[in-house]
PDB file of N, CA and C in Angstrom:
ATOM      1  N   MET A   1     -12.838   1.152  22.313  1.00  0.00           N
ATOM      2  CA  MET A   1     -14.165   0.166  21.917  1.00  0.00           C
ATOM      3  C   MET A   1     -14.059  -1.255  20.466  1.00  0.00           C
ATOM      4  N   GLU A   2     -13.245  -0.637  19.748  1.00  0.00           N
ATOM      5  CA  GLU A   2     -12.915  -1.906  18.771  1.00  0.00           C
ATOM      6  C   GLU A   2     -12.392  -3.195  19.387  1.00  0.00           C
ATOM      7  N   TYR A   3     -11.278  -2.832  20.394  1.00  0.00           N
ATOM      8  CA  TYR A   3     -10.179  -3.560  20.896  1.00  0.00           C
ATOM      9  C   TYR A   3     -11.605  -4.411  22.005  1.00  0.00           C
ATOM     10  N   GLN A   4     -11.599  -3.824  22.763  1.00  0.00           N
ATOM     11  CA  GLN A   4     -12.722  -4.085  23.736  1.00  0.00           C
ATOM     12  C   GLN A   4     -13.440  -5.391  23.101  1.00  0.00           C
ATOM     13  N   ASP A   5     -14.334  -5.273  21.895  1.00  0.00           N
ATOM     14  CA  ASP A   5     -14.886  -6.003  20.830  1.00  0.00           C
ATOM     15  C   ASP A   5     -13.909  -7.317  20.370  1.00  0.00           C
ATOM     16  N   LEU A   6     -13.247  -6.685  19.711  1.00  0.00           N
ATOM     17  CA  LEU A   6     -12.124  -8.115  19.421  1.00  0.00           C
ATOM     18  C   LEU A   6     -12.092  -9.075  20.613  1.00  0.00           C
ATOM     19  N   LEU A   7     -11.108  -8.891  20.899  1.00  0.00           N
ATOM     20  CA  LEU A   7     -10.399  -9.747  22.524  1.00  0.00           C
ATOM     21  C   LEU A   7     -11.597 -10.305  23.449  1.00  0.00           C
ATOM     22  N   GLY A   8     -13.447  -9.721  23.163  1.00  0.00           N
ATOM     23  CA  GLY A   8     -14.496 -10.500  24.390  1.00  0.00           C
ATOM     24  C   GLY A   8     -14.627 -11.410  23.069  1.00  0.00           C
ATOM     25  N   ARG A   9     -14.269 -11.349  21.870  1.00  0.00           N
ATOM     26  CA  ARG A   9     -15.065 -12.417  21.109  1.00  0.00           C
ATOM     27  C   ARG A   9     -14.723 -13.784  21.316  1.00  0.00           C
ATOM     28  N   PRO A  10     -15.289 -15.552  20.575  1.00  0.00           N
ATOM     29  CA  PRO A  10     -15.223 -16.472  21.370  1.00  0.00           C
ATOM     30  C   PRO A  10     -14.188 -16.840  19.954  1.00  0.00           C
ATOM     31  N   VAL A  11     -13.150 -16.731  19.694  1.00  0.00           N
ATOM     32  CA  VAL A  11     -11.745 -17.423  18.148  1.00  0.00           C
ATOM     33  C   VAL A  11     -10.172 -17.247  19.760  1.00  0.00           C
ATOM     34  N   TRP A  12     -10.466 -17.553  20.319  1.00  0.00           N
ATOM     35  CA  TRP A  12      -8.662 -17.248  21.107  1.00  0.00           C
ATOM     36  C   TRP A  12      -8.971 -18.642  21.836  1.00  0.00           C
ATOM     37  N   GLY A  13      -9.920 -19.017  21.923  1.00  0.00           N
ATOM     38  CA  GLY A  13     -10.315 -21.082  23.059  1.00  0.00           C
ATOM     39  C   GLY A  13      -8.935 -20.711  23.440  1.00  0.00           C
ATOM     40  N   ASP A  14      -8.031 -21.673  24.192  1.00  0.00           N
ATOM     41  CA  ASP A  14      -6.802 -21.772  25.193  1.00  0.00           C
ATOM     42  C   ASP A  14      -6.390 -20.931  25.397  1.00  0.00           C
ATOM     43  N   ALA A  15      -5.992 -20.122  23.934  1.00  0.00           N
ATOM     44  CA  ALA A  15      -4.494 -19.484  24.022  1.00  0.00           C
ATOM     45  C   ALA A  15      -4.192 -17.909  24.695  1.00  0.00           C
ATOM     46  N   THR A  16      -5.743 -17.888  25.662  1.00  0.00           N
ATOM     47  CA  THR A  16      -5.539 -16.952  26.258  1.00  0.00           C
ATOM     48  C   THR A  16      -6.683 -16.854  27.090  1.00  0.00           C
ATOM     49  N   THR A  17      -6.403 -16.420  28.828  1.00  0.00           N
ATOM     50  CA  THR A  17      -7.241 -16.072  29.452  1.00  0.00           C
ATOM     51  C   THR A  17      -8.212 -15.132  29.312  1.00  0.00           C
ATOM     52  N   ALA A  18      -9.052 -14.817  29.618  1.00  0.00           N
ATOM     53  CA  ALA A  18     -10.707 -13.479  29.486  1.00  0.00           C
ATOM     54  C   ALA A  18      -9.507 -12.426  30.705  1.00  0.00           C
ATOM     55  N   ASP A  19      -9.231 -13.007  31.485  1.00  0.00           N
ATOM     56  CA  ASP A  19      -8.034 -12.052  32.285  1.00  0.00           C
ATOM     57  C   ASP A  19      -7.237 -11.494  31.646  1.00  0.00           C
ATOM     58  N   GLU A  20      -6.142 -12.359  31.036  1.00  0.00           N
ATOM     59  CA  GLU A  20      -5.217 -12.104  30.594  1.00  0.00           C
ATOM     60  C   GLU A  20      -5.687 -11.280  29.188  1.00  0.00           C
ATOM     61  N   ARG A  21      -6.586 -10.751  28.654  1.00  0.00           N
ATOM     62  CA  ARG A  21      -7.086 -10.202  27.204  1.00  0.00           C
ATOM     63  C   ARG A  21      -7.352  -9.065  28.384  1.00  0.00           C
ATOM     64  N   HIS A  22      -7.999  -9.562  28.883  1.00  0.00           N
ATOM     65  CA  HIS A  22      -8.347  -7.893  29.590  1.00  0.00           C
ATOM     66  C   HIS A  22      -7.258  -6.854  30.344  1.00  0.00           C
ATOM     67  N   GLU A  23      -6.234  -7.232  30.716  1.00  0.00           N
ATOM     68  CA  GLU A  23      -4.989  -7.159  30.823  1.00  0.00           C
ATOM     69  C   GLU A  23      -4.734  -6.213  29.712  1.00  0.00           C
ATOM     70  N   VAL A  24      -4.136  -6.545  28.496  1.00  0.00           N
ATOM     71  CA  VAL A  24      -3.667  -6.269  26.828  1.00  0.00           C
ATOM     72  C   VAL A  24      -4.801  -5.095  26.870  1.00  0.00           C
ATOM     73  N   LEU A  25      -5.916  -4.675  27.473  1.00  0.00           N
ATOM     74  CA  LEU A  25      -7.016  -4.119  26.672  1.00  0.00           C
ATOM     75  C   LEU A  25      -6.693  -2.655  27.893  1.00  0.00           C
ATOM     76  N   ALA A  26      -6.177  -3.478  29.313  1.00  0.00           N
ATOM     77  CA  ALA A  26      -5.751  -1.870  30.125  1.00  0.00           C
ATOM     78  C   ALA A  26      -4.167  -1.687  29.476  1.00  0.00           C
ATOM     79  N   ALA A  27      -3.476  -2.287  28.992  1.00  0.00           N
ATOM     80  CA  ALA A  27      -2.007  -1.693  29.282  1.00  0.00           C
ATOM     81  C   ALA A  27      -2.223  -0.751  27.446  1.00  0.00           C
ATOM     82  N   LEU A  28      -3.453  -1.495  26.389  1.00  0.00           N
ATOM     83  CA  LEU A  28      -3.698  -0.048  25.645  1.00  0.00           C
ATOM     84  C   LEU A  28      -4.404   1.269  25.904  1.00  0.00           C
ATOM     85  N   ALA A  29      -5.238   0.659  27.301  1.00  0.00           N
ATOM     86  CA  ALA A  29      -5.910   2.276  27.563  1.00  0.00           C
ATOM     87  C   ALA A  29      -4.743   2.969  27.895  1.00  0.00           C
ATOM     88  N   ARG A  30      -4.280   2.716  28.958  1.00  0.00           N
ATOM     89  CA  ARG A  30      -2.749   3.267  29.556  1.00  0.00           C
ATOM     90  C   ARG A  30      -2.202   3.590  28.367  1.00  0.00           C
ATOM     91  N   GLN A  31      -1.287   3.413  27.356  1.00  0.00           N
ATOM     92  CA  GLN A  31      -0.956   4.529  26.612  1.00  0.00           C
ATOM     93  C   GLN A  31      -1.242   5.258  25.770  1.00  0.00           C
ATOM     94  N   ALA A  32      -2.956   5.686  25.310  1.00  0.00           N
ATOM     95  CA  ALA A  32      -3.826   6.534  24.567  1.00  0.00           C
ATOM     96  C   ALA A  32      -3.868   7.501  25.497  1.00  0.00           C
ATOM     97  N   ARG A  33      -4.641   8.659  24.052  1.00  0.00           N
ATOM     98  CA  ARG A  33      -4.797   9.890  24.838  1.00  0.00           C
ATOM     99  C   ARG A  33      -6.119   9.970  24.025  1.00  0.00           C
ATOM    100  N   TRP A  34      -7.031  10.506  24.755  1.00  0.00           N
ATOM    101  CA  TRP A  34      -8.223  11.610  24.261  1.00  0.00           C
ATOM    102  C   TRP A  34      -7.865  12.719  23.046  1.00  0.00           C
ATOM    103  N   VAL A  35      -8.784  12.376  21.620  1.00  0.00           N
ATOM    104  CA  VAL A  35      -8.419  12.885  21.136  1.00  0.00           C
ATOM    105  C   VAL A  35      -9.818  13.929  20.134  1.00  0.00           C
ATOM    106  N   THR A  36      -9.912  15.135  19.739  1.00  0.00           N
ATOM    107  CA  THR A  36     -10.937  15.795  19.155  1.00  0.00           C
ATOM    108  C   THR A  36     -10.908  15.671  17.843  1.00  0.00           C
ATOM    109  N   VAL A  37     -11.662  15.034  16.903  1.00  0.00           N
ATOM    110  CA  VAL A  37     -11.944  15.735  15.454  1.00  0.00           C
ATOM    111  C   VAL A  37     -12.880  16.020  15.213  1.00  0.00           C
ATOM    112  N   TYR A  38     -12.454  17.432  15.080  1.00  0.00           N
ATOM    113  CA  TYR A  38     -12.903  18.737  14.658  1.00  0.00           C
ATOM    114  C   TYR A  38     -13.157  18.536  13.337  1.00  0.00           C
ATOM    115  N   TYR A  39     -12.755  17.634  12.205  1.00  0.00           N
ATOM    116  CA  TYR A  39     -12.927  17.845  10.305  1.00  0.00           C
ATOM    117  C   TYR A  39     -13.089  16.367   9.725  1.00  0.00           C
ATOM    118  N   GLY A  40     -13.955  15.821   9.482  1.00  0.00           N
ATOM    119  CA  GLY A  40     -14.271  14.476   8.609  1.00  0.00           C
ATOM    120  C   GLY A  40     -13.982  14.688   7.663  1.00  0.00           C
ATOM    121  N   TRP A  41     -13.088  13.651   7.966  1.00  0.00           N
ATOM    122  CA  TRP A  41     -12.307  14.003   6.414  1.00  0.00           C
ATOM    123  C   TRP A  41     -13.078  12.663   5.204  1.00  0.00           C
ATOM    124  N   ARG A  42     -13.466  11.839   5.635  1.00  0.00           N
ATOM    125  CA  ARG A  42     -13.984  10.731   5.217  1.00  0.00           C
ATOM    126  C   ARG A  42     -13.383  10.559   3.686  1.00  0.00           C
ATOM    127  N   PRO A  43     -11.879   9.446   4.186  1.00  0.00           N
ATOM    128  CA  PRO A  43     -11.267   9.650   2.880  1.00  0.00           C
ATOM    129  C   PRO A  43     -11.824   8.489   2.458  1.00  0.00           C
ATOM    130  N   ASN A  44     -13.136   7.682   2.110  1.00  0.00           N
ATOM    131  CA  ASN A  44     -14.260   6.946   1.162  1.00  0.00           C
ATOM    132  C   ASN A  44     -13.517   5.538   0.936  1.00  0.00           C
ATOM    133  N   LEU A  45     -13.367   5.446   2.627  1.00  0.00           N
ATOM    134  CA  LEU A  45     -12.591   3.600   1.994  1.00  0.00           C
ATOM    135  C   LEU A  45     -13.706   2.844   2.301  1.00  0.00           C
ATOM    136  N   PRO A  46     -13.028   1.380   1.421  1.00  0.00           N
ATOM    137  CA  PRO A  46     -14.300   0.472   1.008  1.00  0.00           C
ATOM    138  C   PRO A  46     -15.313  -0.171   2.364  1.00  0.00           C
ATOM    139  N   ASP A  47     -14.887  -0.098   3.159  1.00  0.00           N
ATOM    140  CA  ASP A  47     -15.022  -0.418   4.713  1.00  0.00           C
ATOM    141  C   ASP A  47     -15.717   0.718   5.515  1.00  0.00           C
ATOM    142  N   GLU A  48     -16.853   2.047   4.927  1.00  0.00           N
ATOM    143  CA  GLU A  48     -17.435   3.032   5.473  1.00  0.00           C
ATOM    144  C   GLU A  48     -17.216   3.207   7.255  1.00  0.00           C
ATOM    145  N   GLY A  49     -16.648   1.795   7.694  1.00  0.00           N
ATOM    146  CA  GLY A  49     -16.706   1.112   9.256  1.00  0.00           C
ATOM    147  C   GLY A  49     -14.988   1.789   9.352  1.00  0.00           C
ATOM    148  N   ASP A  50     -14.247   2.115   8.625  1.00  0.00           N
ATOM    149  CA  ASP A  50     -12.621   2.375   9.450  1.00  0.00           C
ATOM    150  C   ASP A  50     -12.230   3.452   8.879  1.00  0.00           C
ATOM    151  N   ASN A  51     -12.919   4.031   8.313  1.00  0.00           N
ATOM    152  CA  ASN A  51     -12.939   5.885   7.874  1.00  0.00           C
ATOM    153  C   ASN A  51     -12.260   6.498   9.151  1.00  0.00           C
ATOM    154  N   HIS A  52     -13.326   6.640  10.276  1.00  0.00           N
ATOM    155  CA  HIS A  52     -12.990   7.031  11.412  1.00  0.00           C
ATOM    156  C   HIS A  52     -11.420   7.013  12.128  1.00  0.00           C
ATOM    157  N   LEU A  53     -10.566   5.647  11.887  1.00  0.00           N
ATOM    158  CA  LEU A  53      -9.555   5.136  11.637  1.00  0.00           C
ATOM    159  C   LEU A  53      -8.335   6.534  12.002  1.00  0.00           C
ATOM    160  N   ILE A  54      -8.828   6.785   9.967  1.00  0.00           N
ATOM    161  CA  ILE A  54      -7.845   7.871   9.377  1.00  0.00           C
ATOM    162  C   ILE A  54      -8.251   9.092  10.546  1.00  0.00           C
ATOM    163  N   GLU A  55      -9.798   9.504  10.292  1.00  0.00           N
ATOM    164  CA  GLU A  55      -9.557  10.842  10.904  1.00  0.00           C
ATOM    165  C   GLU A  55      -9.163  10.521  11.984  1.00  0.00           C
ATOM    166  N   LEU A  56      -9.261   9.768  13.143  1.00  0.00           N
ATOM    167  CA  LEU A  56      -8.404   9.468  13.903  1.00  0.00           C
ATOM    168  C   LEU A  56      -6.942  10.128  14.195  1.00  0.00           C
ATOM    169  N   ALA A  57      -6.235   9.377  13.297  1.00  0.00           N
ATOM    170  CA  ALA A  57      -4.915   9.212  13.107  1.00  0.00           C
ATOM    171  C   ALA A  57      -4.512  10.626  13.228  1.00  0.00           C
ATOM    172  N   LEU A  58      -5.108  11.243  12.202  1.00  0.00           N
ATOM    173  CA  LEU A  58      -4.882  12.382  12.120  1.00  0.00           C
ATOM    174  C   LEU A  58      -5.700  13.442  12.765  1.00  0.00           C
ATOM    175  N   ALA A  59      -6.115  13.312  13.520  1.00  0.00           N
ATOM    176  CA  ALA A  59      -6.862  14.406  14.904  1.00  0.00           C
ATOM    177  C   ALA A  59      -5.142  14.179  15.773  1.00  0.00           C
ATOM    178  N   GLY A  60      -4.924  12.689  16.100  1.00  0.00           N
ATOM    179  CA  GLY A  60      -4.090  12.725  16.885  1.00  0.00           C
ATOM    180  C   GLY A  60      -2.404  12.765  16.592  1.00  0.00           C
ATOM    181  N   GLY A  61      -2.355  13.138  15.397  1.00  0.00           N
ATOM    182  CA  GLY A  61      -0.913  13.866  14.371  1.00  0.00           C
ATOM    183  C   GLY A  61      -0.114  12.295  14.628  1.00  0.00           C
ATOM    184  N   ALA A  62      -0.638  11.379  14.626  1.00  0.00           N
ATOM    185  CA  ALA A  62      -0.396   9.502  14.469  1.00  0.00           C
ATOM    186  C   ALA A  62       1.251   9.639  12.644  1.00  0.00           C
ATOM    187  N   VAL A  63       1.777   8.914  13.090  1.00  0.00           N
ATOM    188  CA  VAL A  63       2.781   9.145  11.599  1.00  0.00           C
ATOM    189  C   VAL A  63       2.560   7.617  11.302  1.00  0.00           C
ATOM    190  N   ALA A  64       1.748   7.280  12.248  1.00  0.00           N
ATOM    191  CA  ALA A  64       1.175   5.516  10.856  1.00  0.00           C
ATOM    192  C   ALA A  64      -0.215   4.744  11.735  1.00  0.00           C
ATOM    193  N   ILE A  65      -0.755   3.815  11.183  1.00  0.00           N
ATOM    194  CA  ILE A  65      -2.033   3.113  11.707  1.00  0.00           C
ATOM    195  C   ILE A  65      -1.468   1.603  11.325  1.00  0.00           C
ATOM    196  N   VAL A  66      -1.053   0.945  12.414  1.00  0.00           N
ATOM    197  CA  VAL A  66      -0.743  -0.507  12.518  1.00  0.00           C
ATOM    198  C   VAL A  66      -1.763  -1.217  12.104  1.00  0.00           C
ATOM    199  N   THR A  67      -2.030  -2.056  11.618  1.00  0.00           N
ATOM    200  CA  THR A  67      -3.000  -2.959  11.259  1.00  0.00           C
ATOM    201  C   THR A  67      -2.557  -4.068  10.519  1.00  0.00           C
ATOM    202  N   HIS A  68      -3.143  -5.361  10.646  1.00  0.00           N
ATOM    203  CA  HIS A  68      -3.395  -6.514   9.550  1.00  0.00           C
ATOM    204  C   HIS A  68      -4.317  -6.207   8.302  1.00  0.00           C
ATOM    205  N   ASN A  69      -5.150  -5.135   8.472  1.00  0.00           N
ATOM    206  CA  ASN A  69      -6.212  -4.268   7.362  1.00  0.00           C
ATOM    207  C   ASN A  69      -5.482  -3.297   6.145  1.00  0.00           C
ATOM    208  N   LEU A  70      -4.584  -4.343   6.027  1.00  0.00           N
ATOM    209  CA  LEU A  70      -3.606  -3.419   4.921  1.00  0.00           C
ATOM    210  C   LEU A  70      -4.808  -2.499   3.348  1.00  0.00           C
ATOM    211  N   ARG A  71      -5.192  -3.924   2.975  1.00  0.00           N
ATOM    212  CA  ARG A  71      -5.827  -3.480   1.846  1.00  0.00           C
ATOM    213  C   ARG A  71      -7.155  -2.169   1.825  1.00  0.00           C
ATOM    214  N   ASP A  72      -8.002  -2.656   2.888  1.00  0.00           N
ATOM    215  CA  ASP A  72      -8.842  -1.910   3.254  1.00  0.00           C
ATOM    216  C   ASP A  72      -8.074  -0.615   3.249  1.00  0.00           C
ATOM    217  N   LEU A  73      -7.659   0.051   3.964  1.00  0.00           N
ATOM    218  CA  LEU A  73      -7.152   1.304   4.803  1.00  0.00           C
ATOM    219  C   LEU A  73      -6.008   1.880   3.454  1.00  0.00           C
ATOM    220  N   ARG A  74      -5.875   1.498   3.004  1.00  0.00           N
ATOM    221  CA  ARG A  74      -4.836   2.329   1.803  1.00  0.00           C
ATOM    222  C   ARG A  74      -5.788   2.438   0.672  1.00  0.00           C
ATOM    223  N   GLY A  75      -7.498   1.588   0.454  1.00  0.00           N
ATOM    224  CA  GLY A  75      -7.868   2.018  -0.343  1.00  0.00           C
ATOM    225  C   GLY A  75      -8.851   3.149  -0.304  1.00  0.00           C
ATOM    226  N   GLY A  76      -8.454   3.952  -0.088  1.00  0.00           N
ATOM    227  CA  GLY A  76      -9.215   5.596   0.274  1.00  0.00           C
ATOM    228  C   GLY A  76      -9.112   6.049  -1.104  1.00  0.00           C
ATOM    229  N   ALA A  77      -9.974   6.992  -1.215  1.00  0.00           N
ATOM    230  CA  ALA A  77      -9.921   7.758  -2.463  1.00  0.00           C
ATOM    231  C   ALA A  77      -9.304   8.741  -2.057  1.00  0.00           C
ATOM    232  N   LEU A  78      -8.998   9.560  -0.515  1.00  0.00           N
ATOM    233  CA  LEU A  78      -8.114  10.659  -0.129  1.00  0.00           C
ATOM    234  C   LEU A  78      -6.782  10.508   0.271  1.00  0.00           C
ATOM    235  N   ARG A  79      -5.988  10.960  -0.372  1.00  0.00           N
ATOM    236  CA  ARG A  79      -4.819  10.980   0.008  1.00  0.00           C
ATOM    237  C   ARG A  79      -4.491  11.865   1.387  1.00  0.00           C
ATOM    238  N   LEU A  80      -3.359  11.839   2.379  1.00  0.00           N
ATOM    239  CA  LEU A  80      -3.504  12.936   3.895  1.00  0.00           C
ATOM    240  C   LEU A  80      -1.949  12.759   3.690  1.00  0.00           C
ATOM    241  N   GLY A  81      -1.174  13.406   3.484  1.00  0.00           N
ATOM    242  CA  GLY A  81      -0.129  13.708   3.993  1.00  0.00           C
ATOM    243  C   GLY A  81       1.038  12.259   3.822  1.00  0.00           C
ATOM    244  N   ASN A  82       1.568  12.219   4.958  1.00  0.00           N
ATOM    245  CA  ASN A  82       2.599  11.244   5.365  1.00  0.00           C
ATOM    246  C   ASN A  82       1.891   9.990   6.683  1.00  0.00           C
ATOM    247  N   LEU A  83       0.551  10.496   6.668  1.00  0.00           N
ATOM    248  CA  LEU A  83      -0.320   8.862   6.958  1.00  0.00           C
ATOM    249  C   LEU A  83       0.684   7.977   6.904  1.00  0.00           C
ATOM    250  N   ARG A  84       1.611   6.990   7.255  1.00  0.00           N
ATOM    251  CA  ARG A  84       0.885   5.438   6.740  1.00  0.00           C
ATOM    252  C   ARG A  84       0.737   4.542   7.005  1.00  0.00           C
ATOM    253  N   VAL A  85       0.116   3.295   6.533  1.00  0.00           N
ATOM    254  CA  VAL A  85      -0.360   2.052   6.517  1.00  0.00           C
ATOM    255  C   VAL A  85       0.555   1.069   6.562  1.00  0.00           C
ATOM    256  N   LEU A  86       1.353   0.466   7.762  1.00  0.00           N
ATOM    257  CA  LEU A  86       1.787  -0.568   8.623  1.00  0.00           C
ATOM    258  C   LEU A  86       0.806  -1.951   8.702  1.00  0.00           C
ATOM    259  N   THR A  87       2.303  -2.853   8.442  1.00  0.00           N
ATOM    260  CA  THR A  87       1.684  -4.563   9.436  1.00  0.00           C
ATOM    261  C   THR A  87       1.752  -4.051  10.872  1.00  0.00           C
ATOM    262  N   PRO A  88       1.478  -4.486  11.528  1.00  0.00           N
ATOM    263  CA  PRO A  88       2.411  -4.814  12.867  1.00  0.00           C
ATOM    264  C   PRO A  88       4.171  -5.243  12.871  1.00  0.00           C
ATOM    265  N   ALA A  89       4.096  -6.360  12.047  1.00  0.00           N
ATOM    266  CA  ALA A  89       5.531  -6.572  11.507  1.00  0.00           C
ATOM    267  C   ALA A  89       6.319  -5.332  11.167  1.00  0.00           C
ATOM    268  N   GLN A  90       5.787  -4.626   9.913  1.00  0.00           N
ATOM    269  CA  GLN A  90       6.288  -3.812   9.109  1.00  0.00           C
ATOM    270  C   GLN A  90       7.246  -2.680  10.109  1.00  0.00           C
ATOM    271  N   CYS A  91       6.215  -2.204  11.172  1.00  0.00           N
ATOM    272  CA  CYS A  91       6.095  -1.383  12.542  1.00  0.00           C
ATOM    273  C   CYS A  91       7.101  -1.751  13.009  1.00  0.00           C
ATOM    274  N   LEU A  92       7.270  -3.446  14.156  1.00  0.00           N
ATOM    275  CA  LEU A  92       8.237  -3.813  14.537  1.00  0.00           C
ATOM    276  C   LEU A  92       9.833  -3.519  14.354  1.00  0.00           C
ATOM    277  N   GLU A  93       9.683  -4.199  12.604  1.00  0.00           N
ATOM    278  CA  GLU A  93      10.997  -3.899  11.613  1.00  0.00           C
ATOM    279  C   GLU A  93      11.395  -2.275  11.671  1.00  0.00           C
ATOM    280  N   GLU A  94      10.667  -1.706  12.070  1.00  0.00           N
ATOM    281  CA  GLU A  94      10.954   0.315  11.295  1.00  0.00           C
ATOM    282  C   GLU A  94      11.390   0.483  12.290  1.00  0.00           C
ATOM    283  N   TRP A  95      10.509   0.779  13.619  1.00  0.00           N
ATOM    284  CA  TRP A  95      10.309   1.175  15.233  1.00  0.00           C
ATOM    285  C   TRP A  95      10.961   0.116  16.042  1.00  0.00           C
ATOM    286  N   GLN A  96      11.779  -0.775  16.177  1.00  0.00           N
ATOM    287  CA  GLN A  96      12.719  -1.623  16.750  1.00  0.00           C
ATOM    288  C   GLN A  96      13.730  -0.808  17.610  1.00  0.00           C
TER     289      GLN A  96
END
């Protein structure tokens, strides 16, 4: 839902069409899988709206969260295992 919201915002100008953004969303959905969050870790991030990202990553067994929002996602009081927070560029450099 967050990606759908972002791709629907009027900030894209003429860089992409609505159909192209819908194709990106569909491609992301094809790669995704549903996970059940059994326990709310509440990592206490500066933006309460970001806490669910850590919880979903842990429930899904992710090794990293890829985002431009490093400051907020690295700011939580709770540190859990080897879950990393990377920028898209760091992710491409590391896993390319």
